[in-house]
Amino acid sequence: MQALTEREREILTMMACGMRNDEIAGRLFLSVATVKTHVARVLRKLGVRDRTQAVVAAFDLGIVRPRGPQPAARGVELIIDWG
């Protein structure tokens, strides 16, 4: 697996939160086409075929983790560790 860039990790984190490409684009002030390019690079670097597998990889890599029993938006906690 190739190392993800900071932006790719950010995109992956948002994907893991269930955000669509247009939502990510709006949040990051990017075009949808740019987000699609980042998503494609994330999939390639992780060696996965779709967003679902990428989200599983995000959990496996510790980029995101499930929240505890308290109610949470989208059910995940963001962990941003760029190190």
PDB file of N, CA and C in Angstrom:
ATOM      1  N   MET A   1       0.845  -1.187   0.000  1.00  0.00           N
ATOM      2  CA  MET A   1       0.000   0.000   0.000  1.00  0.00           C
ATOM      3  C   MET A   1       0.888   1.248   0.000  1.00  0.00           C
ATOM      4  N   GLN A   2       0.578   2.156  -0.912  1.00  0.00           N
ATOM      5  CA  GLN A   2       1.285   3.428  -0.937  1.00  0.00           C
ATOM      6  C   GLN A   2       0.713   4.331   0.148  1.00  0.00           C
ATOM      7  N   ALA A   3       1.545   5.227   0.637  1.00  0.00           N
ATOM      8  CA  ALA A   3       1.092   6.166   1.662  1.00  0.00           C
ATOM      9  C   ALA A   3       0.088   7.141   1.065  1.00  0.00           C
ATOM     10  N   LEU A   4      -0.963   7.407   1.824  1.00  0.00           N
ATOM     11  CA  LEU A   4      -1.959   8.381   1.405  1.00  0.00           C
ATOM     12  C   LEU A   4      -1.457   9.784   1.726  1.00  0.00           C
ATOM     13  N   THR A   5      -1.779  10.729   0.850  1.00  0.00           N
ATOM     14  CA  THR A   5      -1.461  12.123   1.141  1.00  0.00           C
ATOM     15  C   THR A   5      -2.416  12.626   2.223  1.00  0.00           C
ATOM     16  N   GLU A   6      -2.098  13.783   2.750  1.00  0.00           N
ATOM     17  CA  GLU A   6      -2.971  14.382   3.766  1.00  0.00           C
ATOM     18  C   GLU A   6      -4.382  14.571   3.212  1.00  0.00           C
ATOM     19  N   ARG A   7      -4.510  15.060   1.990  1.00  0.00           N
ATOM     20  CA  ARG A   7      -5.823  15.279   1.379  1.00  0.00           C
ATOM     21  C   ARG A   7      -6.558  13.957   1.164  1.00  0.00           C
ATOM     22  N   GLU A   8      -5.834  12.924   0.745  1.00  0.00           N
ATOM     23  CA  GLU A   8      -6.463  11.616   0.536  1.00  0.00           C
ATOM     24  C   GLU A   8      -6.978  11.045   1.852  1.00  0.00           C
ATOM     25  N   ARG A   9      -6.215  11.223   2.923  1.00  0.00           N
ATOM     26  CA  ARG A   9      -6.686  10.763   4.235  1.00  0.00           C
ATOM     27  C   ARG A   9      -7.931  11.534   4.662  1.00  0.00           C
ATOM     28  N   GLU A  10      -7.948  12.825   4.368  1.00  0.00           N
ATOM     29  CA  GLU A  10      -9.102  13.652   4.690  1.00  0.00           C
ATOM     30  C   GLU A  10     -10.331  13.174   3.914  1.00  0.00           C
ATOM     31  N   ILE A  11     -10.154  12.890   2.633  1.00  0.00           N
ATOM     32  CA  ILE A  11     -11.242  12.382   1.792  1.00  0.00           C
ATOM     33  C   ILE A  11     -11.711  11.032   2.322  1.00  0.00           C
ATOM     34  N   LEU A  12     -10.781  10.147   2.650  1.00  0.00           N
ATOM     35  CA  LEU A  12     -11.131   8.827   3.167  1.00  0.00           C
ATOM     36  C   LEU A  12     -11.918   8.943   4.467  1.00  0.00           C
ATOM     37  N   THR A  13     -11.508   9.842   5.329  1.00  0.00           N
ATOM     38  CA  THR A  13     -12.216  10.060   6.589  1.00  0.00           C
ATOM     39  C   THR A  13     -13.654  10.498   6.327  1.00  0.00           C
ATOM     40  N   MET A  14     -13.836  11.399   5.390  1.00  0.00           N
ATOM     41  CA  MET A  14     -15.179  11.866   5.062  1.00  0.00           C
ATOM     42  C   MET A  14     -16.005  10.757   4.413  1.00  0.00           C
ATOM     43  N   MET A  15     -15.365   9.941   3.595  1.00  0.00           N
ATOM     44  CA  MET A  15     -16.055   8.785   3.011  1.00  0.00           C
ATOM     45  C   MET A  15     -16.537   7.855   4.126  1.00  0.00           C
ATOM     46  N   ALA A  16     -15.675   7.652   5.128  1.00  0.00           N
ATOM     47  CA  ALA A  16     -16.024   6.760   6.237  1.00  0.00           C
ATOM     48  C   ALA A  16     -17.194   7.304   7.056  1.00  0.00           C
ATOM     49  N   CYS A  17     -17.403   8.609   6.980  1.00  0.00           N
ATOM     50  CA  CYS A  17     -18.542   9.229   7.663  1.00  0.00           C
ATOM     51  C   CYS A  17     -19.804   9.159   6.820  1.00  0.00           C
ATOM     52  N   GLY A  18     -19.707   8.563   5.643  1.00  0.00           N
ATOM     53  CA  GLY A  18     -20.872   8.381   4.795  1.00  0.00           C
ATOM     54  C   GLY A  18     -21.147   9.542   3.854  1.00  0.00           C
ATOM     55  N   MET A  19     -20.181  10.440   3.705  1.00  0.00           N
ATOM     56  CA  MET A  19     -20.401  11.597   2.843  1.00  0.00           C
ATOM     57  C   MET A  19     -20.277  11.220   1.371  1.00  0.00           C
ATOM     58  N   ARG A  20     -21.164  11.796   0.562  1.00  0.00           N
ATOM     59  CA  ARG A  20     -21.117  11.625  -0.889  1.00  0.00           C
ATOM     60  C   ARG A  20     -20.069  12.564  -1.473  1.00  0.00           C
ATOM     61  N   ASN A  21     -19.698  12.321  -2.726  1.00  0.00           N
ATOM     62  CA  ASN A  21     -18.700  13.160  -3.382  1.00  0.00           C
ATOM     63  C   ASN A  21     -19.099  14.625  -3.390  1.00  0.00           C
ATOM     64  N   ASP A  22     -20.370  14.908  -3.666  1.00  0.00           N
ATOM     65  CA  ASP A  22     -20.804  16.316  -3.708  1.00  0.00           C
ATOM     66  C   ASP A  22     -20.746  16.957  -2.328  1.00  0.00           C
ATOM     67  N   GLU A  23     -21.001  16.189  -1.287  1.00  0.00           N
ATOM     68  CA  GLU A  23     -20.907  16.717   0.077  1.00  0.00           C
ATOM     69  C   GLU A  23     -19.458  17.009   0.447  1.00  0.00           C
ATOM     70  N   ILE A  24     -18.564  16.096   0.077  1.00  0.00           N
ATOM     71  CA  ILE A  24     -17.142  16.300   0.341  1.00  0.00           C
ATOM     72  C   ILE A  24     -16.656  17.528  -0.413  1.00  0.00           C
ATOM     73  N   ALA A  25     -17.048  17.643  -1.674  1.00  0.00           N
ATOM     74  CA  ALA A  25     -16.638  18.782  -2.499  1.00  0.00           C
ATOM     75  C   ALA A  25     -17.086  20.095  -1.860  1.00  0.00           C
ATOM     76  N   GLY A  26     -18.310  20.140  -1.392  1.00  0.00           N
ATOM     77  CA  GLY A  26     -18.814  21.354  -0.765  1.00  0.00           C
ATOM     78  C   GLY A  26     -18.083  21.689   0.520  1.00  0.00           C
ATOM     79  N   ARG A  27     -17.771  20.690   1.310  1.00  0.00           N
ATOM     80  CA  ARG A  27     -17.085  20.906   2.578  1.00  0.00           C
ATOM     81  C   ARG A  27     -15.653  21.392   2.370  1.00  0.00           C
ATOM     82  N   LEU A  28     -14.995  20.858   1.333  1.00  0.00           N
ATOM     83  CA  LEU A  28     -13.586  21.182   1.110  1.00  0.00           C
ATOM     84  C   LEU A  28     -13.379  22.245   0.031  1.00  0.00           C
ATOM     85  N   PHE A  29     -14.461  22.779  -0.508  1.00  0.00           N
ATOM     86  CA  PHE A  29     -14.383  23.794  -1.564  1.00  0.00           C
ATOM     87  C   PHE A  29     -13.615  23.284  -2.774  1.00  0.00           C
ATOM     88  N   LEU A  30     -13.936  22.048  -3.182  1.00  0.00           N
ATOM     89  CA  LEU A  30     -13.342  21.422  -4.353  1.00  0.00           C
ATOM     90  C   LEU A  30     -14.441  21.129  -5.364  1.00  0.00           C
ATOM     91  N   SER A  31     -14.051  20.862  -6.595  1.00  0.00           N
ATOM     92  CA  SER A  31     -15.038  20.411  -7.575  1.00  0.00           C
ATOM     93  C   SER A  31     -15.328  18.929  -7.326  1.00  0.00           C
ATOM     94  N   VAL A  32     -16.484  18.478  -7.769  1.00  0.00           N
ATOM     95  CA  VAL A  32     -16.820  17.060  -7.638  1.00  0.00           C
ATOM     96  C   VAL A  32     -15.817  16.221  -8.423  1.00  0.00           C
ATOM     97  N   ALA A  33     -15.389  16.709  -9.575  1.00  0.00           N
ATOM     98  CA  ALA A  33     -14.403  15.976 -10.382  1.00  0.00           C
ATOM     99  C   ALA A  33     -13.096  15.782  -9.612  1.00  0.00           C
ATOM    100  N   THR A  34     -12.676  16.792  -8.876  1.00  0.00           N
ATOM    101  CA  THR A  34     -11.447  16.684  -8.075  1.00  0.00           C
ATOM    102  C   THR A  34     -11.626  15.653  -6.968  1.00  0.00           C
ATOM    103  N   VAL A  35     -12.786  15.663  -6.324  1.00  0.00           N
ATOM    104  CA  VAL A  35     -13.054  14.677  -5.276  1.00  0.00           C
ATOM    105  C   VAL A  35     -13.033  13.270  -5.872  1.00  0.00           C
ATOM    106  N   LYS A  36     -13.641  13.099  -7.036  1.00  0.00           N
ATOM    107  CA  LYS A  36     -13.641  11.786  -7.688  1.00  0.00           C
ATOM    108  C   LYS A  36     -12.217  11.315  -7.970  1.00  0.00           C
ATOM    109  N   THR A  37     -11.359  12.235  -8.369  1.00  0.00           N
ATOM    110  CA  THR A  37      -9.957  11.888  -8.611  1.00  0.00           C
ATOM    111  C   THR A  37      -9.287  11.434  -7.320  1.00  0.00           C
ATOM    112  N   HIS A  38      -9.529  12.159  -6.232  1.00  0.00           N
ATOM    113  CA  HIS A  38      -8.955  11.762  -4.938  1.00  0.00           C
ATOM    114  C   HIS A  38      -9.487  10.401  -4.501  1.00  0.00           C
ATOM    115  N   VAL A  39     -10.787  10.182  -4.671  1.00  0.00           N
ATOM    116  CA  VAL A  39     -11.382   8.895  -4.289  1.00  0.00           C
ATOM    117  C   VAL A  39     -10.733   7.768  -5.090  1.00  0.00           C
ATOM    118  N   ALA A  40     -10.568   7.968  -6.389  1.00  0.00           N
ATOM    119  CA  ALA A  40      -9.947   6.941  -7.234  1.00  0.00           C
ATOM    120  C   ALA A  40      -8.523   6.636  -6.771  1.00  0.00           C
ATOM    121  N   ARG A  41      -7.794   7.673  -6.397  1.00  0.00           N
ATOM    122  CA  ARG A  41      -6.419   7.469  -5.908  1.00  0.00           C
ATOM    123  C   ARG A  41      -6.398   6.726  -4.580  1.00  0.00           C
ATOM    124  N   VAL A  42      -7.342   7.058  -3.704  1.00  0.00           N
ATOM    125  CA  VAL A  42      -7.451   6.353  -2.414  1.00  0.00           C
ATOM    126  C   VAL A  42      -7.711   4.870  -2.668  1.00  0.00           C
ATOM    127  N   LEU A  43      -8.659   4.574  -3.536  1.00  0.00           N
ATOM    128  CA  LEU A  43      -8.993   3.176  -3.826  1.00  0.00           C
ATOM    129  C   LEU A  43      -7.769   2.441  -4.375  1.00  0.00           C
ATOM    130  N   ARG A  44      -7.067   3.074  -5.308  1.00  0.00           N
ATOM    131  CA  ARG A  44      -5.892   2.450  -5.916  1.00  0.00           C
ATOM    132  C   ARG A  44      -4.796   2.218  -4.875  1.00  0.00           C
ATOM    133  N   LYS A  45      -4.514   3.227  -4.073  1.00  0.00           N
ATOM    134  CA  LYS A  45      -3.440   3.105  -3.088  1.00  0.00           C
ATOM    135  C   LYS A  45      -3.757   2.070  -2.013  1.00  0.00           C
ATOM    136  N   LEU A  46      -5.037   1.956  -1.652  1.00  0.00           N
ATOM    137  CA  LEU A  46      -5.418   0.962  -0.645  1.00  0.00           C
ATOM    138  C   LEU A  46      -5.572  -0.428  -1.248  1.00  0.00           C
ATOM    139  N   GLY A  47      -5.617  -0.504  -2.575  1.00  0.00           N
ATOM    140  CA  GLY A  47      -5.776  -1.794  -3.245  1.00  0.00           C
ATOM    141  C   GLY A  47      -7.162  -2.373  -3.070  1.00  0.00           C
ATOM    142  N   VAL A  48      -8.161  -1.494  -3.060  1.00  0.00           N
ATOM    143  CA  VAL A  48      -9.549  -1.935  -2.892  1.00  0.00           C
ATOM    144  C   VAL A  48     -10.350  -1.559  -4.128  1.00  0.00           C
ATOM    145  N   ARG A  49     -11.523  -2.182  -4.278  1.00  0.00           N
ATOM    146  CA  ARG A  49     -12.291  -1.962  -5.503  1.00  0.00           C
ATOM    147  C   ARG A  49     -13.433  -0.974  -5.371  1.00  0.00           C
ATOM    148  N   ASP A  50     -13.838  -0.648  -4.120  1.00  0.00           N
ATOM    149  CA  ASP A  50     -14.968   0.269  -3.980  1.00  0.00           C
ATOM    150  C   ASP A  50     -14.896   1.015  -2.651  1.00  0.00           C
ATOM    151  N   ARG A  51     -15.831   1.961  -2.499  1.00  0.00           N
ATOM    152  CA  ARG A  51     -15.855   2.809  -1.305  1.00  0.00           C
ATOM    153  C   ARG A  51     -16.059   1.995  -0.034  1.00  0.00           C
ATOM    154  N   THR A  52     -16.871   0.974  -0.115  1.00  0.00           N
ATOM    155  CA  THR A  52     -17.139   0.159   1.063  1.00  0.00           C
ATOM    156  C   THR A  52     -15.853  -0.476   1.582  1.00  0.00           C
ATOM    157  N   GLN A  53     -15.076  -1.046   0.675  1.00  0.00           N
ATOM    158  CA  GLN A  53     -13.815  -1.642   1.090  1.00  0.00           C
ATOM    159  C   GLN A  53     -12.848  -0.582   1.609  1.00  0.00           C
ATOM    160  N   ALA A  54     -12.899   0.617   1.028  1.00  0.00           N
ATOM    161  CA  ALA A  54     -12.037   1.704   1.503  1.00  0.00           C
ATOM    162  C   ALA A  54     -12.398   2.085   2.934  1.00  0.00           C
ATOM    163  N   VAL A  55     -13.678   2.119   3.244  1.00  0.00           N
ATOM    164  CA  VAL A  55     -14.116   2.458   4.600  1.00  0.00           C
ATOM    165  C   VAL A  55     -13.668   1.375   5.583  1.00  0.00           C
ATOM    166  N   VAL A  56     -13.782   0.120   5.185  1.00  0.00           N
ATOM    167  CA  VAL A  56     -13.296  -0.968   6.043  1.00  0.00           C
ATOM    168  C   VAL A  56     -11.800  -0.786   6.291  1.00  0.00           C
ATOM    169  N   ALA A  57     -11.056  -0.440   5.245  1.00  0.00           N
ATOM    170  CA  ALA A  57      -9.617  -0.210   5.393  1.00  0.00           C
ATOM    171  C   ALA A  57      -9.353   0.959   6.337  1.00  0.00           C
ATOM    172  N   ALA A  58     -10.174   2.005   6.272  1.00  0.00           N
ATOM    173  CA  ALA A  58     -10.010   3.159   7.169  1.00  0.00           C
ATOM    174  C   ALA A  58     -10.143   2.727   8.624  1.00  0.00           C
ATOM    175  N   PHE A  59     -11.084   1.834   8.899  1.00  0.00           N
ATOM    176  CA  PHE A  59     -11.233   1.314  10.257  1.00  0.00           C
ATOM    177  C   PHE A  59     -10.032   0.446  10.619  1.00  0.00           C
ATOM    178  N   ASP A  60      -9.617  -0.424   9.704  1.00  0.00           N
ATOM    179  CA  ASP A  60      -8.477  -1.307   9.962  1.00  0.00           C
ATOM    180  C   ASP A  60      -7.191  -0.518  10.215  1.00  0.00           C
ATOM    181  N   LEU A  61      -7.030   0.596   9.504  1.00  0.00           N
ATOM    182  CA  LEU A  61      -5.827   1.420   9.646  1.00  0.00           C
ATOM    183  C   LEU A  61      -5.895   2.363  10.839  1.00  0.00           C
ATOM    184  N   GLY A  62      -7.053   2.432  11.488  1.00  0.00           N
ATOM    185  CA  GLY A  62      -7.207   3.302  12.645  1.00  0.00           C
ATOM    186  C   GLY A  62      -7.451   4.759  12.291  1.00  0.00           C
ATOM    187  N   ILE A  63      -7.781   5.023  11.043  1.00  0.00           N
ATOM    188  CA  ILE A  63      -8.078   6.397  10.633  1.00  0.00           C
ATOM    189  C   ILE A  63      -9.403   6.849  11.229  1.00  0.00           C
ATOM    190  N   VAL A  64     -10.349   5.950  11.328  1.00  0.00           N
ATOM    191  CA  VAL A  64     -11.622   6.194  12.015  1.00  0.00           C
ATOM    192  C   VAL A  64     -11.897   5.013  12.920  1.00  0.00           C
ATOM    193  N   ARG A  65     -12.737   5.227  13.891  1.00  0.00           N
ATOM    194  CA  ARG A  65     -13.118   4.123  14.773  1.00  0.00           C
ATOM    195  C   ARG A  65     -14.592   4.265  15.133  1.00  0.00           C
ATOM    196  N   PRO A  66     -15.248   3.139  15.459  1.00  0.00           N
ATOM    197  CA  PRO A  66     -16.660   3.213  15.829  1.00  0.00           C
ATOM    198  C   PRO A  66     -16.822   4.004  17.119  1.00  0.00           C
ATOM    199  N   ARG A  67     -17.908   4.695  17.207  1.00  0.00           N
ATOM    200  CA  ARG A  67     -18.213   5.399  18.458  1.00  0.00           C
ATOM    201  C   ARG A  67     -18.766   4.403  19.464  1.00  0.00           C
ATOM    202  N   GLY A  68     -18.746   4.806  20.704  1.00  0.00           N
ATOM    203  CA  GLY A  68     -19.310   3.979  21.765  1.00  0.00           C
ATOM    204  C   GLY A  68     -20.828   3.993  21.701  1.00  0.00           C
ATOM    205  N   PRO A  69     -21.479   3.605  22.783  1.00  0.00           N
ATOM    206  CA  PRO A  69     -22.928   3.474  22.778  1.00  0.00           C
ATOM    207  C   PRO A  69     -23.708   4.789  22.684  1.00  0.00           C
ATOM    208  N   GLN A  70     -23.053   5.937  22.891  1.00  0.00           N
ATOM    209  CA  GLN A  70     -23.771   7.200  22.819  1.00  0.00           C
ATOM    210  C   GLN A  70     -24.195   7.476  21.380  1.00  0.00           C
ATOM    211  N   PRO A  71     -25.329   8.151  21.199  1.00  0.00           N
ATOM    212  CA  PRO A  71     -25.769   8.476  19.844  1.00  0.00           C
ATOM    213  C   PRO A  71     -24.755   9.385  19.160  1.00  0.00           C
ATOM    214  N   ALA A  72     -24.532   9.142  17.870  1.00  0.00           N
ATOM    215  CA  ALA A  72     -23.557   9.943  17.134  1.00  0.00           C
ATOM    216  C   ALA A  72     -24.003  10.100  15.690  1.00  0.00           C
ATOM    217  N   ALA A  73     -23.691  11.227  15.124  1.00  0.00           N
ATOM    218  CA  ALA A  73     -23.992  11.456  13.723  1.00  0.00           C
ATOM    219  C   ALA A  73     -23.179  10.498  12.867  1.00  0.00           C
ATOM    220  N   ARG A  74     -23.837   9.735  12.062  1.00  0.00           N
ATOM    221  CA  ARG A  74     -23.209   8.805  11.121  1.00  0.00           C
ATOM    222  C   ARG A  74     -22.479   7.651  11.801  1.00  0.00           C
ATOM    223  N   GLY A  75     -22.414   7.617  13.129  1.00  0.00           N
ATOM    224  CA  GLY A  75     -21.891   6.453  13.836  1.00  0.00           C
ATOM    225  C   GLY A  75     -20.387   6.247  13.835  1.00  0.00           C
ATOM    226  N   VAL A  76     -19.598   7.241  13.446  1.00  0.00           N
ATOM    227  CA  VAL A  76     -18.149   7.087  13.518  1.00  0.00           C
ATOM    228  C   VAL A  76     -17.517   8.297  14.171  1.00  0.00           C
ATOM    229  N   GLU A  77     -16.370   8.107  14.706  1.00  0.00           N
ATOM    230  CA  GLU A  77     -15.612   9.199  15.304  1.00  0.00           C
ATOM    231  C   GLU A  77     -14.424   9.489  14.408  1.00  0.00           C
ATOM    232  N   LEU A  78     -14.222  10.718  14.079  1.00  0.00           N
ATOM    233  CA  LEU A  78     -13.090  11.078  13.236  1.00  0.00           C
ATOM    234  C   LEU A  78     -11.824  11.111  14.067  1.00  0.00           C
ATOM    235  N   ILE A  79     -10.804  10.492  13.548  1.00  0.00           N
ATOM    236  CA  ILE A  79      -9.491  10.551  14.165  1.00  0.00           C
ATOM    237  C   ILE A  79      -8.558  11.036  13.064  1.00  0.00           C
ATOM    238  N   ILE A  80      -8.050  12.210  13.227  1.00  0.00           N
ATOM    239  CA  ILE A  80      -7.161  12.731  12.209  1.00  0.00           C
ATOM    240  C   ILE A  80      -5.752  12.708  12.784  1.00  0.00           C
ATOM    241  N   ASP A  81      -4.965  11.752  12.305  1.00  0.00           N
ATOM    242  CA  ASP A  81      -3.590  11.581  12.735  1.00  0.00           C
ATOM    243  C   ASP A  81      -2.741  11.553  11.482  1.00  0.00           C
ATOM    244  N   TRP A  82      -2.193  12.677  11.131  1.00  0.00           N
ATOM    245  CA  TRP A  82      -1.445  12.769   9.880  1.00  0.00           C
ATOM    246  C   TRP A  82      -0.031  12.249  10.022  1.00  0.00           C
ATOM    247  N   GLY A  83       0.371  11.871  11.234  1.00  0.00           N
ATOM    248  CA  GLY A  83       1.745  11.408  11.448  1.00  0.00           C
ATOM    249  C   GLY A  83       1.947  10.058  10.989  1.00  0.00           C
TER     250      GLY A  83
END
